[in-house]
């Protein structure tokens, strides 16, 4: 069984046991997190497609890590000889999908 969920403005196709890096979600490491915005549930006899979400469907997961990605640099170099380097590290949450119901 698989599902398509929406979180952090992105959509993910997930199966039980998958490990995802998603946009930061509040919670401690080891805590459970539920994704209620399930767009599609498939893998059974006929897939359930939501408009926009499947009613009663739910995906749960366990938070494995709260961390930051590696640094992304924005570099500018101008004709006059000056340069500017700026960057940031985007926070993420690593989640392991434990169950899909729907």
N, C-alpha and C. Protein backbone atom coordinates (compact mmCIF):
# COMPACT_ATOMS: atom_id res chain seq x y z
N UNK A 1 0.84 -1.17 0.00
CA UNK A 1 0.00 0.00 0.00
C UNK A 1 0.89 1.24 0.00
N UNK A 2 0.51 2.24 -0.80
CA UNK A 2 1.26 3.48 -0.85
C UNK A 2 0.29 4.65 -0.76
N UNK A 3 0.84 5.83 -0.50
CA UNK A 3 0.02 7.03 -0.40
C UNK A 3 0.81 8.22 -0.93
N UNK A 4 0.09 9.24 -1.34
CA UNK A 4 0.70 10.51 -1.73
C UNK A 4 0.23 11.53 -0.70
N UNK A 5 1.20 12.14 0.00
CA UNK A 5 0.88 13.12 1.03
C UNK A 5 1.42 14.49 0.63
N UNK A 6 0.83 15.53 1.23
CA UNK A 6 1.32 16.89 1.02
C UNK A 6 1.75 17.46 2.36
N UNK A 7 2.99 17.93 2.42
CA UNK A 7 3.50 18.58 3.62
C UNK A 7 4.58 19.57 3.21
N UNK A 8 4.58 20.71 3.83
CA UNK A 8 5.60 21.72 3.55
C UNK A 8 5.53 22.26 2.14
N UNK A 9 4.35 22.21 1.50
CA UNK A 9 4.21 22.72 0.14
C UNK A 9 4.70 21.77 -0.92
N UNK A 10 5.05 20.55 -0.55
CA UNK A 10 5.54 19.55 -1.51
C UNK A 10 4.71 18.28 -1.37
N UNK A 11 4.75 17.44 -2.40
CA UNK A 11 4.04 16.17 -2.37
C UNK A 11 5.05 15.03 -2.40
N UNK A 12 4.76 13.97 -1.63
CA UNK A 12 5.65 12.82 -1.53
C UNK A 12 4.85 11.54 -1.71
N UNK A 13 5.40 10.58 -2.45
CA UNK A 13 4.83 9.25 -2.56
C UNK A 13 5.53 8.40 -1.51
N UNK A 14 4.76 7.83 -0.58
CA UNK A 14 5.36 7.11 0.53
C UNK A 14 4.81 5.69 0.63
N UNK A 15 5.65 4.80 1.15
CA UNK A 15 5.31 3.41 1.45
C UNK A 15 5.75 3.18 2.89
N UNK A 16 5.12 2.24 3.58
CA UNK A 16 5.54 1.95 4.96
C UNK A 16 7.01 1.58 4.98
N UNK A 17 7.74 2.19 5.91
CA UNK A 17 9.18 1.94 6.04
C UNK A 17 10.05 2.96 5.34
N UNK A 18 9.47 3.83 4.52
CA UNK A 18 10.25 4.87 3.84
C UNK A 18 10.80 5.88 4.85
N UNK A 19 11.99 6.42 4.54
CA UNK A 19 12.58 7.49 5.34
C UNK A 19 12.63 8.72 4.45
N UNK A 20 11.99 9.81 4.89
CA UNK A 20 11.87 11.04 4.12
C UNK A 20 12.58 12.19 4.81
N UNK A 21 13.08 13.13 4.03
CA UNK A 21 13.54 14.41 4.54
C UNK A 21 12.55 15.45 4.06
N UNK A 22 11.78 15.98 5.00
CA UNK A 22 10.73 16.93 4.67
C UNK A 22 11.04 18.27 5.31
N UNK A 23 10.27 19.29 4.94
CA UNK A 23 10.41 20.59 5.57
C UNK A 23 10.20 20.45 7.07
N UNK A 24 10.79 21.32 7.85
CA UNK A 24 10.78 21.20 9.30
C UNK A 24 9.37 21.09 9.87
N UNK A 25 9.18 20.09 10.73
CA UNK A 25 7.92 19.85 11.44
C UNK A 25 8.23 19.92 12.92
N UNK A 26 7.38 20.57 13.69
CA UNK A 26 7.60 20.68 15.13
C UNK A 26 7.47 19.31 15.79
N UNK A 27 8.38 19.02 16.71
CA UNK A 27 8.33 17.76 17.45
C UNK A 27 9.72 17.32 17.86
N UNK A 28 9.78 16.50 18.89
CA UNK A 28 11.04 15.97 19.40
C UNK A 28 11.41 14.70 18.63
N UNK A 29 12.70 14.36 18.68
CA UNK A 29 13.17 13.11 18.07
C UNK A 29 12.54 11.95 18.82
N UNK A 30 11.97 11.01 18.08
CA UNK A 30 11.29 9.86 18.67
C UNK A 30 9.79 10.04 18.78
N UNK A 31 9.30 11.27 18.59
CA UNK A 31 7.86 11.53 18.67
C UNK A 31 7.16 11.07 17.41
N UNK A 32 5.86 10.89 17.52
CA UNK A 32 5.05 10.47 16.38
C UNK A 32 4.46 11.70 15.71
N UNK A 33 4.35 11.65 14.40
CA UNK A 33 3.76 12.75 13.63
C UNK A 33 2.73 12.17 12.67
N UNK A 34 1.61 12.87 12.50
CA UNK A 34 0.53 12.40 11.62
C UNK A 34 0.38 13.36 10.45
N UNK A 35 0.21 12.80 9.27
CA UNK A 35 -0.05 13.57 8.06
C UNK A 35 -1.49 13.30 7.65
N UNK A 36 -2.34 14.31 7.83
CA UNK A 36 -3.76 14.14 7.54
C UNK A 36 -4.13 14.54 6.12
N UNK A 37 -3.24 15.25 5.44
CA UNK A 37 -3.52 15.68 4.08
C UNK A 37 -3.00 14.62 3.11
N UNK A 38 -3.79 13.56 2.94
CA UNK A 38 -3.45 12.44 2.06
C UNK A 38 -4.20 12.64 0.75
N UNK A 39 -3.48 12.76 -0.35
CA UNK A 39 -4.09 13.06 -1.63
C UNK A 39 -4.52 11.81 -2.39
N UNK A 40 -3.84 10.68 -2.17
CA UNK A 40 -4.13 9.45 -2.89
C UNK A 40 -3.70 8.26 -2.04
N UNK A 41 -4.50 7.21 -2.05
CA UNK A 41 -4.13 5.95 -1.40
C UNK A 41 -4.27 4.87 -2.46
N UNK A 42 -3.17 4.14 -2.71
CA UNK A 42 -3.18 3.12 -3.75
C UNK A 42 -2.54 1.84 -3.27
N UNK A 43 -2.46 0.88 -4.20
CA UNK A 43 -1.84 -0.39 -3.88
C UNK A 43 -2.85 -1.45 -3.50
N UNK A 44 -4.11 -1.11 -3.42
CA UNK A 44 -5.16 -2.08 -3.16
C UNK A 44 -5.90 -2.34 -4.47
N UNK A 45 -7.10 -2.91 -4.40
CA UNK A 45 -7.82 -3.24 -5.63
C UNK A 45 -8.10 -2.01 -6.50
N UNK A 46 -8.52 -0.90 -5.91
CA UNK A 46 -8.70 0.33 -6.68
C UNK A 46 -8.20 1.51 -5.85
N UNK A 47 -7.46 2.42 -6.48
CA UNK A 47 -6.92 3.55 -5.71
C UNK A 47 -8.02 4.53 -5.31
N UNK A 48 -7.81 5.18 -4.16
CA UNK A 48 -8.73 6.22 -3.68
C UNK A 48 -8.08 7.57 -3.96
N UNK A 49 -8.76 8.39 -4.72
CA UNK A 49 -8.24 9.71 -5.06
C UNK A 49 -9.10 10.74 -4.37
N UNK A 50 -8.46 11.66 -3.67
CA UNK A 50 -9.19 12.69 -2.95
C UNK A 50 -9.40 13.94 -3.77
N UNK A 51 -10.40 14.72 -3.36
CA UNK A 51 -10.66 16.00 -4.01
C UNK A 51 -10.79 17.06 -2.96
N UNK A 52 -9.79 17.67 -2.43
CA UNK A 52 -8.37 17.48 -2.67
C UNK A 52 -7.74 16.39 -1.81
N UNK A 53 -8.37 16.02 -0.68
CA UNK A 53 -7.78 15.00 0.20
C UNK A 53 -8.76 13.85 0.38
N UNK A 54 -8.21 12.65 0.65
CA UNK A 54 -9.03 11.47 0.90
C UNK A 54 -9.60 11.56 2.31
N UNK A 55 -10.90 11.47 2.44
CA UNK A 55 -11.55 11.58 3.75
C UNK A 55 -11.22 10.36 4.59
N UNK A 56 -10.77 10.59 5.80
CA UNK A 56 -10.48 9.51 6.74
C UNK A 56 -9.13 8.84 6.57
N UNK A 57 -8.36 9.23 5.56
CA UNK A 57 -7.04 8.63 5.34
C UNK A 57 -6.01 9.32 6.22
N UNK A 58 -5.02 8.57 6.67
CA UNK A 58 -4.02 9.11 7.58
C UNK A 58 -2.71 8.36 7.40
N UNK A 59 -1.60 9.08 7.42
CA UNK A 59 -0.26 8.50 7.38
C UNK A 59 0.44 8.93 8.65
N UNK A 60 1.00 7.98 9.37
CA UNK A 60 1.74 8.31 10.59
C UNK A 60 3.21 7.96 10.41
N UNK A 61 4.05 8.69 11.13
CA UNK A 61 5.48 8.46 11.05
C UNK A 61 6.15 8.79 12.36
N UNK A 62 7.43 8.45 12.43
CA UNK A 62 8.23 8.69 13.62
C UNK A 62 9.38 9.61 13.24
N UNK A 63 9.61 10.64 14.04
CA UNK A 63 10.69 11.60 13.77
C UNK A 63 12.02 10.96 14.15
N UNK A 64 12.92 10.88 13.17
CA UNK A 64 14.24 10.31 13.39
C UNK A 64 15.29 11.37 13.70
N UNK A 65 15.15 12.56 13.08
CA UNK A 65 16.16 13.60 13.27
C UNK A 65 15.58 14.97 12.97
N UNK A 66 16.09 15.98 13.66
CA UNK A 66 15.83 17.40 13.37
C UNK A 66 17.21 17.99 13.08
N UNK A 67 17.45 18.40 11.83
CA UNK A 67 18.80 18.82 11.45
C UNK A 67 18.73 19.91 10.40
N UNK A 68 19.90 20.29 9.87
CA UNK A 68 19.98 21.27 8.79
C UNK A 68 20.72 20.64 7.61
N UNK A 69 20.30 21.01 6.39
CA UNK A 69 21.01 20.57 5.19
C UNK A 69 22.38 21.23 5.13
N UNK A 70 23.20 20.79 4.18
CA UNK A 70 24.49 21.46 4.03
C UNK A 70 24.27 22.86 3.49
N UNK A 71 25.27 23.69 3.64
CA UNK A 71 25.14 25.10 3.32
C UNK A 71 24.97 25.33 1.82
N UNK A 72 24.05 26.21 1.48
CA UNK A 72 23.82 26.63 0.10
C UNK A 72 24.37 28.03 -0.03
N UNK A 73 25.28 28.25 -0.99
CA UNK A 73 25.92 29.56 -1.16
C UNK A 73 25.29 30.32 -2.32
N UNK A 74 25.17 31.63 -2.12
CA UNK A 74 24.74 32.55 -3.16
C UNK A 74 25.93 33.49 -3.38
N UNK A 75 26.55 33.43 -4.54
CA UNK A 75 27.78 34.18 -4.77
C UNK A 75 27.57 35.17 -5.91
N UNK A 76 27.95 36.41 -5.68
CA UNK A 76 27.86 37.44 -6.71
C UNK A 76 29.24 38.01 -6.97
N UNK A 77 29.55 38.22 -8.23
CA UNK A 77 30.80 38.87 -8.61
C UNK A 77 30.46 39.93 -9.64
N UNK A 78 30.90 41.16 -9.39
CA UNK A 78 30.57 42.26 -10.28
C UNK A 78 31.80 42.70 -11.06
N UNK A 79 31.56 43.47 -12.11
CA UNK A 79 32.65 43.97 -12.96
C UNK A 79 33.64 44.83 -12.19
N UNK A 80 33.13 45.58 -11.22
CA UNK A 80 33.97 46.53 -10.52
C UNK A 80 34.98 45.86 -9.60
N UNK A 81 34.91 44.57 -9.40
CA UNK A 81 35.91 43.88 -8.61
C UNK A 81 35.47 43.46 -7.23
N UNK A 82 34.20 43.69 -6.86
CA UNK A 82 33.76 43.27 -5.54
C UNK A 82 32.95 41.99 -5.63
N UNK A 83 32.97 41.23 -4.57
CA UNK A 83 32.22 39.99 -4.52
C UNK A 83 31.41 39.93 -3.23
N UNK A 84 30.39 39.10 -3.24
CA UNK A 84 29.57 38.91 -2.05
C UNK A 84 29.18 37.43 -1.98
N UNK A 85 29.45 36.80 -0.85
CA UNK A 85 29.06 35.42 -0.63
C UNK A 85 28.09 35.37 0.55
N UNK A 86 26.92 34.88 0.29
CA UNK A 86 25.92 34.71 1.35
C UNK A 86 25.36 33.31 1.22
N UNK A 87 24.78 32.83 2.30
CA UNK A 87 24.21 31.49 2.22
C UNK A 87 23.34 31.19 3.41
N UNK A 88 22.76 30.01 3.40
CA UNK A 88 21.94 29.58 4.52
C UNK A 88 21.91 28.05 4.56
N UNK A 89 21.46 27.51 5.69
CA UNK A 89 21.28 26.07 5.87
C UNK A 89 19.82 25.84 6.16
N UNK A 90 19.13 25.14 5.26
CA UNK A 90 17.70 24.91 5.40
C UNK A 90 17.44 23.81 6.42
N UNK A 91 16.59 24.06 7.42
CA UNK A 91 16.28 23.01 8.39
C UNK A 91 15.36 21.95 7.78
N UNK A 92 15.51 20.70 8.23
CA UNK A 92 14.65 19.62 7.77
C UNK A 92 14.35 18.67 8.91
N UNK A 93 13.34 17.83 8.70
CA UNK A 93 12.97 16.79 9.63
C UNK A 93 13.03 15.46 8.89
N UNK A 94 13.72 14.49 9.46
CA UNK A 94 13.80 13.16 8.87
C UNK A 94 12.74 12.29 9.53
N UNK A 95 11.84 11.72 8.73
CA UNK A 95 10.69 10.98 9.23
C UNK A 95 10.67 9.58 8.62
N UNK A 96 10.39 8.57 9.44
CA UNK A 96 10.19 7.21 8.95
C UNK A 96 8.69 6.92 9.00
N UNK A 97 8.13 6.50 7.87
CA UNK A 97 6.70 6.23 7.76
C UNK A 97 6.42 4.90 8.45
N UNK A 98 5.50 4.91 9.44
CA UNK A 98 5.20 3.69 10.19
C UNK A 98 3.91 3.02 9.76
N UNK A 99 2.90 3.82 9.38
CA UNK A 99 1.64 3.18 8.96
C UNK A 99 0.86 4.09 8.01
N UNK A 100 0.09 3.41 7.16
CA UNK A 100 -0.80 4.10 6.21
C UNK A 100 -2.19 3.50 6.41
N UNK A 101 -3.16 4.35 6.71
CA UNK A 101 -4.54 3.86 6.84
C UNK A 101 -5.43 4.70 5.96
N UNK A 102 -6.37 4.07 5.33
CA UNK A 102 -7.24 4.84 4.48
C UNK A 102 -8.13 3.99 3.73
